[in-house]
Protein backbone atom coordinates (compact mmCIF):
# COMPACT_ATOMS: atom_id res chain seq x y z
CA MET A 1 145.08 -142.14 11.03
CA ARG A 2 144.63 -140.71 7.56
CA ASN A 3 143.79 -143.15 4.76
CA SER A 4 146.79 -141.93 2.77
CA ILE A 5 149.87 -140.11 4.06
CA LEU A 6 151.72 -137.95 1.53
CA VAL A 7 155.45 -137.70 2.22
CA GLY A 8 157.49 -135.01 0.50
CA VAL A 9 161.10 -136.15 0.06
CA ASP A 10 163.88 -133.64 -0.51
CA ILE A 11 166.14 -135.31 -3.12
CA SER A 12 168.48 -132.35 -3.68
CA ASP A 13 171.42 -134.41 -2.37
CA LEU A 14 171.24 -136.60 -5.47
CA LYS A 15 172.95 -133.77 -7.35
CA VAL A 16 175.03 -132.37 -4.48
CA ALA A 17 176.43 -135.16 -2.31
CA ALA A 18 179.09 -137.62 -3.46
CA THR A 19 179.65 -140.00 -0.53
CA GLY A 20 177.59 -142.28 1.69
CA GLN A 21 174.98 -139.56 2.15
CA LYS A 22 174.22 -139.71 -1.58
CA THR A 23 174.17 -143.53 -1.54
CA PHE A 24 171.63 -143.44 1.30
CA LEU A 25 169.25 -141.11 -0.53
CA ALA A 26 169.67 -142.78 -3.93
CA GLU A 27 168.89 -146.22 -2.50
CA LEU A 28 165.84 -144.96 -0.60
CA TYR A 29 164.57 -143.11 -3.69
CA THR A 30 164.69 -146.40 -5.62
CA GLN A 31 163.01 -148.36 -2.83
CA PHE A 32 160.23 -145.82 -2.21
CA LYS A 33 159.34 -145.86 -5.90
CA ALA A 34 159.35 -149.66 -6.03
CA ILE A 35 157.24 -150.04 -2.88
CA GLU A 36 154.71 -147.49 -4.08
CA LYS A 37 154.51 -149.17 -7.50
CA ASN A 38 154.13 -152.69 -6.16
CA THR A 39 151.86 -151.92 -3.20
CA SER A 40 148.84 -150.04 -4.51
CA SER A 41 147.16 -150.14 -1.10
CA SER A 42 150.13 -148.59 0.73
CA SER A 43 149.11 -146.02 3.33
CA VAL A 44 152.07 -143.83 2.33
CA LYS A 45 152.53 -142.01 -0.97
CA PHE A 46 155.55 -139.98 -2.05
CA VAL A 47 156.28 -136.77 -3.90
CA TYR A 48 159.85 -135.64 -4.62
CA PHE A 49 161.30 -132.14 -4.46
CA SER A 50 164.71 -130.84 -5.56
CA SER A 51 166.36 -127.46 -5.14
CA PRO A 52 166.25 -125.34 -8.32
CA PHE A 53 169.59 -123.73 -7.53
CA PRO A 54 172.74 -124.81 -9.44
CA VAL A 55 175.50 -126.81 -7.77
CA VAL A 56 178.64 -124.71 -7.20
CA THR A 57 182.01 -126.32 -6.41
CA SER A 58 184.12 -123.19 -5.91
CA ARG A 59 185.86 -122.81 -2.52
CA ASN A 60 185.83 -119.01 -2.73
CA LYS A 61 184.55 -117.64 0.59
CA ILE A 62 181.99 -115.33 -0.99
CA VAL A 63 180.72 -118.11 -3.24
CA LEU A 64 180.55 -120.47 -0.26
CA LEU A 65 178.54 -117.94 1.73
CA MET A 66 176.14 -117.49 -1.18
CA GLN A 67 175.84 -121.26 -1.48
CA HIS A 68 174.87 -121.53 2.19
CA LEU A 69 172.28 -118.77 1.78
CA LEU A 70 170.78 -120.42 -1.30
CA PHE A 71 170.69 -123.76 0.52
CA GLN A 72 168.73 -122.22 3.39
CA THR A 73 166.47 -120.35 0.98
CA TRP A 74 165.57 -123.74 -0.43
CA LYS A 75 165.15 -125.43 2.95
CA GLN A 76 163.36 -122.68 4.80
CA VAL A 77 161.34 -120.95 2.07
CA LEU A 78 160.85 -122.87 -1.17
CA LEU A 79 160.65 -126.44 0.15
CA PRO A 80 157.93 -125.58 2.72
CA ILE A 81 155.94 -123.75 0.04
CA TYR A 82 156.25 -126.67 -2.40
CA ALA A 83 155.27 -129.17 0.32
CA TRP A 84 152.30 -127.06 1.42
CA GLY A 85 151.19 -126.62 -2.19
CA ARG A 86 151.17 -130.39 -2.74
CA GLY A 87 149.37 -131.06 0.54
CA CYS A 88 152.20 -133.04 2.16
CA HIS A 89 151.63 -134.44 5.63
CA ILE A 90 155.33 -135.20 6.18
CA VAL A 91 158.52 -133.60 4.85
CA PHE A 92 161.52 -135.97 4.91
CA CYS A 93 165.10 -134.66 4.64
CA THR A 94 168.32 -136.68 4.74
CA ASP A 95 170.92 -133.89 5.06
CA TYR A 96 170.62 -132.65 8.67
CA PHE A 97 168.41 -129.64 7.76
CA VAL A 98 164.59 -129.47 7.72
CA PRO A 99 162.20 -126.52 7.48
CA TYR A 100 161.76 -124.67 10.77
CA PHE A 101 158.23 -123.50 10.00
CA HIS A 102 155.71 -126.30 9.47
CA MET A 103 153.03 -125.23 7.00
CA GLY A 104 150.50 -127.93 7.81
CA PHE A 105 153.10 -130.73 7.73
CA LYS A 106 155.42 -132.49 10.17
CA THR A 107 159.11 -133.21 9.59
CA VAL A 108 161.23 -136.35 9.83
CA GLN A 109 164.96 -136.12 9.21
CA VAL A 110 168.21 -138.07 9.25
CA PHE A 111 171.31 -137.42 11.34
CA HIS A 112 173.91 -139.73 9.79
CA ASP A 113 176.28 -139.02 12.68
CA ALA A 114 177.11 -136.53 15.43
CA PHE A 115 180.39 -135.30 13.94
CA PHE A 116 179.38 -131.65 14.18
CA PHE A 117 179.07 -131.88 17.96
CA GLU A 118 182.22 -133.98 18.37
CA ASN A 119 184.53 -132.06 16.01
CA PRO A 120 183.12 -128.60 15.25
CA GLU A 121 186.62 -127.46 14.26
CA HIS A 122 186.29 -129.56 11.09
CA TYR A 123 183.52 -127.34 9.71
CA ASN A 124 183.63 -123.82 8.32
CA LYS A 125 182.21 -121.03 10.44
CA TYR A 126 179.20 -120.35 8.19
CA TRP A 127 178.02 -123.94 8.38
CA PHE A 128 178.67 -123.91 12.13
CA ILE A 129 176.45 -120.86 12.66
CA LEU A 130 173.65 -122.20 10.46
CA HIS A 131 173.76 -125.60 12.13
CA LYS A 132 173.71 -124.20 15.65
CA TYR A 133 171.07 -121.52 15.21
CA LEU A 134 168.84 -123.00 12.48
CA ALA A 135 169.40 -126.73 11.97
CA MET A 136 169.20 -127.69 15.64
CA PRO A 137 166.10 -125.59 16.52
CA ALA A 138 164.38 -127.09 13.45
CA ALA A 139 165.53 -130.60 14.41
CA ARG A 140 164.01 -130.24 17.86
CA LYS A 141 160.66 -129.55 16.20
CA SER A 142 160.87 -132.72 14.08
CA SER A 143 158.59 -135.62 14.94
CA PHE A 144 161.44 -138.09 14.62
CA ILE A 145 165.17 -138.08 13.85
CA ILE A 146 166.62 -141.17 12.19
CA THR A 147 170.13 -142.39 13.03
CA PRO A 148 171.92 -145.26 11.23
CA SER A 149 173.33 -146.99 14.31
CA ASN A 150 172.84 -147.30 18.05
CA TYR A 151 176.18 -145.55 18.48
CA ALA A 152 175.02 -142.53 16.46
CA LEU A 153 171.71 -142.49 18.35
CA GLN A 154 173.49 -142.37 21.71
CA LYS A 155 175.81 -139.59 20.52
CA VAL A 156 172.97 -137.45 19.15
CA ASN A 157 171.06 -137.94 22.39
CA ALA A 158 174.03 -137.08 24.60
CA LEU A 159 175.59 -134.23 22.60
CA ALA A 160 172.57 -132.63 20.91
CA GLY A 161 170.13 -133.15 23.73
CA ILE A 162 167.53 -134.79 21.47
CA PRO A 163 165.30 -137.01 23.67
CA THR A 164 165.41 -140.74 22.94
CA ASN A 165 161.67 -140.90 22.24
CA LYS A 166 162.35 -138.81 19.13
CA LEU A 167 165.32 -140.89 17.97
CA VAL A 168 164.89 -144.00 15.82
CA ARG A 169 167.73 -146.28 14.79
CA ILE A 170 167.35 -147.66 11.27
CA TYR A 171 170.28 -149.52 9.74
CA GLU A 172 171.54 -148.76 6.26
CA ALA A 173 172.84 -151.31 3.72
CA PRO A 174 175.60 -151.78 1.12
CA LYS A 175 175.46 -149.88 -2.15
CA SER A 176 173.47 -151.78 -4.78
CA LEU A 177 175.93 -152.90 -7.45
CA GLU A 178 173.97 -155.94 -8.71
CA ASN A 179 173.58 -154.48 -12.19
CA THR A 180 177.23 -153.45 -12.37
CA ILE A 181 179.73 -155.66 -14.21
CA ALA A 182 183.33 -155.79 -12.96
CA ASN A 183 185.96 -154.81 -15.52
CA SER A 184 189.52 -155.84 -14.68
CA ASN A 185 190.76 -154.29 -17.93
CA ASP A 186 189.95 -150.73 -16.85
CA PRO A 187 193.11 -148.67 -17.52
CA LEU A 188 192.72 -146.73 -14.25
CA LEU A 189 193.00 -150.00 -12.32
CA ALA A 190 195.76 -151.56 -14.43
CA GLY A 191 198.55 -150.56 -12.04
CA PHE A 192 197.28 -152.68 -9.13
CA ILE A 193 194.33 -154.90 -10.06
CA HIS A 194 196.46 -157.99 -10.70
CA SER A 195 198.56 -157.44 -7.57
CA LYS A 196 197.88 -158.52 -4.00
CA TYR A 197 196.51 -155.41 -2.33
CA ILE A 198 194.82 -154.05 0.76
CA PHE A 199 191.86 -151.77 0.08
CA HIS A 200 190.27 -148.71 1.67
CA VAL A 201 187.62 -146.38 0.25
CA GLY A 202 186.45 -143.14 1.75
CA VAL A 203 186.66 -139.38 1.60
CA MET A 204 190.11 -137.97 2.39
CA GLU A 205 189.25 -136.52 5.80
CA MET A 206 191.36 -136.47 8.95
CA ARG A 207 188.82 -138.60 10.86
CA LYS A 208 189.35 -141.42 8.36
CA ASN A 209 192.81 -141.92 9.91
CA ILE A 210 194.43 -142.72 6.57
CA LEU A 211 197.85 -141.46 7.70
CA THR A 212 198.01 -144.13 10.41
CA LEU A 213 196.95 -146.79 7.91
CA ILE A 214 199.82 -145.79 5.60
CA LYS A 215 202.28 -145.98 8.49
CA ALA A 216 200.96 -149.41 9.46
CA PHE A 217 201.24 -150.57 5.85
CA ASN A 218 204.86 -149.36 5.80
CA LEU A 219 205.57 -151.54 8.84
CA LEU A 220 204.00 -154.46 6.99
CA LEU A 221 206.29 -153.93 4.01
CA GLN A 222 209.34 -153.84 6.26
CA LEU A 223 208.64 -157.42 7.35
CA GLY A 224 209.91 -158.41 3.90
CA GLY A 225 209.24 -161.62 2.02
CA GLU A 226 205.91 -161.74 0.20
CA ASN A 227 204.82 -158.63 2.09
CA ALA A 228 207.22 -156.54 0.02
CA LYS A 229 205.00 -157.17 -3.03
CA LEU A 230 201.84 -155.82 -1.38
CA LYS A 231 200.07 -152.65 -2.43
CA LEU A 232 197.74 -150.36 -0.52
CA VAL A 233 194.91 -148.95 -2.64
CA LEU A 234 193.21 -145.81 -1.32
CA ALA A 235 190.05 -144.80 -3.20
CA GLY A 236 188.29 -141.49 -2.72
CA LYS A 237 189.08 -137.82 -2.90
CA GLY A 238 189.30 -134.87 -0.54
CA THR A 239 186.49 -132.54 0.45
CA GLY A 240 188.40 -129.37 -0.38
CA ARG A 241 187.57 -128.07 3.10
CA ASN A 242 190.66 -126.62 4.78
CA GLU A 243 189.29 -127.65 8.15
CA SER A 244 189.28 -131.41 7.52
CA ASP A 245 190.83 -132.36 4.16
CA CYS A 246 193.95 -134.52 4.55
CA THR A 247 194.86 -135.08 0.89
CA LYS A 248 198.04 -133.01 1.01
CA LYS A 249 199.21 -134.76 4.18
CA VAL A 250 198.56 -138.18 2.64
CA ILE A 251 200.61 -137.33 -0.46
CA ALA A 252 203.41 -135.87 1.68
CA LEU A 253 203.56 -138.98 3.89
CA ILE A 254 203.69 -141.30 0.88
CA GLN A 255 206.63 -139.31 -0.48
CA GLU A 256 208.36 -139.16 2.90
CA LEU A 257 208.18 -142.95 3.28
CA GLN A 258 209.04 -143.44 -0.41
CA LEU A 259 205.91 -145.51 -1.03
CA GLN A 260 204.97 -144.05 -4.40
CA GLU A 261 205.10 -147.51 -6.02
CA GLN A 262 203.30 -149.31 -3.19
CA VAL A 263 200.46 -146.90 -2.32
CA VAL A 264 197.90 -146.18 -5.04
CA LEU A 265 195.62 -143.13 -4.90
CA THR A 266 192.77 -143.78 -7.32
CA GLY A 267 190.63 -140.71 -6.68
CA TYR A 268 186.88 -141.09 -7.19
CA LEU A 269 185.81 -144.48 -8.59
CA THR A 270 182.73 -145.18 -10.70
CA ASP A 271 180.44 -148.01 -9.59
CA THR A 272 182.10 -150.38 -12.07
CA GLN A 273 185.58 -149.43 -10.89
CA LEU A 274 184.55 -149.69 -7.25
CA LEU A 275 183.03 -153.14 -7.68
CA THR A 276 186.10 -154.35 -9.55
CA THR A 277 188.48 -153.00 -6.92
CA TYR A 278 186.52 -154.61 -4.09
CA LYS A 279 186.37 -157.99 -5.80
CA HIS A 280 190.12 -158.19 -6.44
CA ALA A 281 191.23 -156.94 -3.01
CA TYR A 282 192.78 -159.33 -0.51
CA MET A 283 191.30 -157.56 2.50
CA TYR A 284 189.52 -154.35 3.47
CA VAL A 285 190.91 -152.19 6.29
CA PHE A 286 188.81 -149.46 7.93
CA PRO A 287 190.90 -147.44 10.46
CA SER A 288 188.45 -144.55 10.91
CA LEU A 289 188.37 -142.69 14.21
CA ASN A 290 184.65 -142.00 13.95
CA GLU A 291 181.79 -143.33 11.80
CA GLY A 292 178.03 -143.03 11.95
CA PHE A 293 177.47 -146.31 10.10
CA GLY A 294 180.26 -147.51 7.78
CA ILE A 295 178.73 -148.71 4.51
CA PRO A 296 182.11 -149.98 3.18
CA VAL A 297 182.08 -152.72 5.85
CA LEU A 298 178.97 -154.22 4.23
CA GLU A 299 180.26 -153.60 0.70
CA ALA A 300 183.38 -155.59 1.56
CA PHE A 301 181.28 -158.42 3.03
CA LYS A 302 179.34 -158.46 -0.23
CA ALA A 303 182.56 -158.60 -2.27
CA ASN A 304 183.82 -161.69 -0.39
CA ILE A 305 186.83 -160.12 1.28
CA PRO A 306 187.77 -160.13 4.99
CA VAL A 307 187.28 -156.91 6.93
CA LEU A 308 189.43 -155.29 9.61
CA VAL A 309 187.99 -152.29 11.48
CA ALA A 310 188.86 -149.82 14.21
CA ASP A 311 187.51 -150.81 17.61
CA ASN A 312 185.55 -147.58 18.00
CA SER A 313 182.27 -145.78 17.24
CA CYS A 314 179.74 -147.89 15.29
CA LEU A 315 182.18 -150.19 13.49
CA PRO A 316 182.07 -153.13 15.97
CA GLU A 317 178.27 -152.76 16.08
CA ILE A 318 177.93 -153.06 12.31
CA GLY A 319 180.65 -155.66 11.79
CA GLY A 320 179.75 -157.91 14.72
CA ASP A 321 181.72 -161.16 14.86
CA ALA A 322 182.50 -160.93 11.13
CA VAL A 323 185.33 -158.42 11.54
CA ILE A 324 188.72 -158.24 13.26
CA SER A 325 189.15 -155.06 15.25
CA PHE A 326 192.22 -153.05 16.25
CA ASP A 327 193.28 -149.91 18.08
CA PRO A 328 193.22 -147.27 15.31
CA LEU A 329 195.82 -145.13 17.07
CA ASN A 330 198.37 -147.96 17.20
CA GLU A 331 200.01 -148.48 13.81
CA GLN A 332 201.81 -151.60 15.05
CA ALA A 333 198.50 -153.14 16.13
CA ILE A 334 197.02 -152.47 12.68
CA CYS A 335 200.09 -154.02 11.06
CA ASP A 336 199.82 -157.10 13.30
CA LYS A 337 196.15 -157.68 12.42
CA MET A 338 196.82 -157.32 8.69
CA GLN A 339 199.69 -159.78 9.01
CA LEU A 340 197.41 -162.18 10.91
CA VAL A 341 195.00 -162.34 7.97
CA LEU A 342 197.83 -162.59 5.43
CA ASN A 343 199.34 -165.58 7.27
CA ASN A 344 196.12 -167.44 7.96
CA PRO A 345 194.05 -168.53 4.92
CA THR A 346 191.65 -170.43 7.21
CA LEU A 347 190.91 -167.28 9.19
CA ARG A 348 190.36 -165.38 5.94
CA THR A 349 187.83 -167.97 4.78
CA GLU A 350 186.03 -167.88 8.13
CA LEU A 351 185.77 -164.09 8.06
CA ILE A 352 184.31 -164.16 4.54
CA ALA A 353 181.68 -166.73 5.61
CA LYS A 354 180.77 -164.70 8.70
CA GLY A 355 180.53 -161.56 6.56
CA HIS A 356 177.96 -163.24 4.30
CA LYS A 357 175.88 -164.24 7.32
CA ARG A 358 176.15 -160.79 8.87
CA LEU A 359 175.04 -159.17 5.62
CA THR A 360 171.58 -160.73 5.93
CA MET A 361 170.81 -158.25 8.71
CA PHE A 362 170.93 -155.31 6.31
CA GLY A 363 168.87 -154.39 3.24
CA TRP A 364 167.58 -151.22 1.61
CA GLU A 365 164.02 -152.51 1.30
CA ARG A 366 164.02 -153.17 5.03
CA THR A 367 165.39 -149.67 5.63
CA ALA A 368 162.67 -148.12 3.45
CA ARG A 369 159.86 -150.07 5.10
CA GLU A 370 161.07 -149.15 8.59
CA LEU A 371 161.08 -145.51 7.50
CA ILE A 372 157.54 -145.84 6.19
CA HIS A 373 156.52 -147.12 9.61
CA VAL A 374 158.10 -143.98 11.14
CA PHE A 375 156.12 -141.78 8.72
CA GLU A 376 152.94 -143.54 9.81
CA ARG A 377 153.78 -142.95 13.47
CA ALA A 378 154.54 -139.26 12.79
CA ALA A 379 151.19 -138.79 11.07
CA GLN A 380 149.19 -140.21 13.97
């Protein structure tokens, strides 16, 4: 093996992504820098590359097409040239796409999930074409593909045909908010922060199953008593993609059920607002129909609140015995499990304690070091 392996990391997502994909890259970027600084004898060194093209948010079809073309110009032309020029042995990408042509380097990449193969109808046709005819051929040439859960690994193997000897499961971790100070006086949070509320955070996509959660919450309110004072806080915003965005349907359902006073749509939250909202929540409910990992489960553990999750995809794997699960397609079942936690303070305390214990299995430094081991294997 070489004395020193140079890994080129594409950090373009730090200025493009806004969800868990950005959290993943931002946390790794911090850990790689810390490990390299504190371990002078490390066999792996890093260099970071970012696309020079501006970020465009327009949904115009022509602009979108140009954005896709610029993205691939970066991935397939500029990034390989930059990596070759710096003498990289490995190029690491965290956004499903890697260079097809290897100019003296190998590639390692991350598939956060297998959503594309499971629900191709949720993606625009340009992305579909690029993924099928460029991303997947390039992925099959990669030395290793990282997945964040055993569930995601099995799906990528089964649906994409990637052999298991190329797939490596490396767990993620909760977003680092240690240097963030909660602020219960934030005006954006004033309408609910001192109430008893159920919390959910995530992009407004159909797979997140937010409509069923609202219906289940409505059933909970109808039980009356103290339940009538509850609020449901939904943090996050839509993608703007016609194929998968459910924002309009969420707003319409809230109006139809006349829950404008009980359901709060916060939009995007800053780290301070997110930490504050987690810490004051009574419970976290995650009704998603499909997840590759589910970082909010760990964030809720960290915030000392009980967690309820759908009994599908990776969520039972990540939550273990520290969560209560339910059928995400059965709004009455979701209501019953929320009511169970509301009526049982002892159960709530037990779930919080189990969440703390479960959290010890996950950490960004561990994730980074496991990745470094993969880089070393790829370079052999």
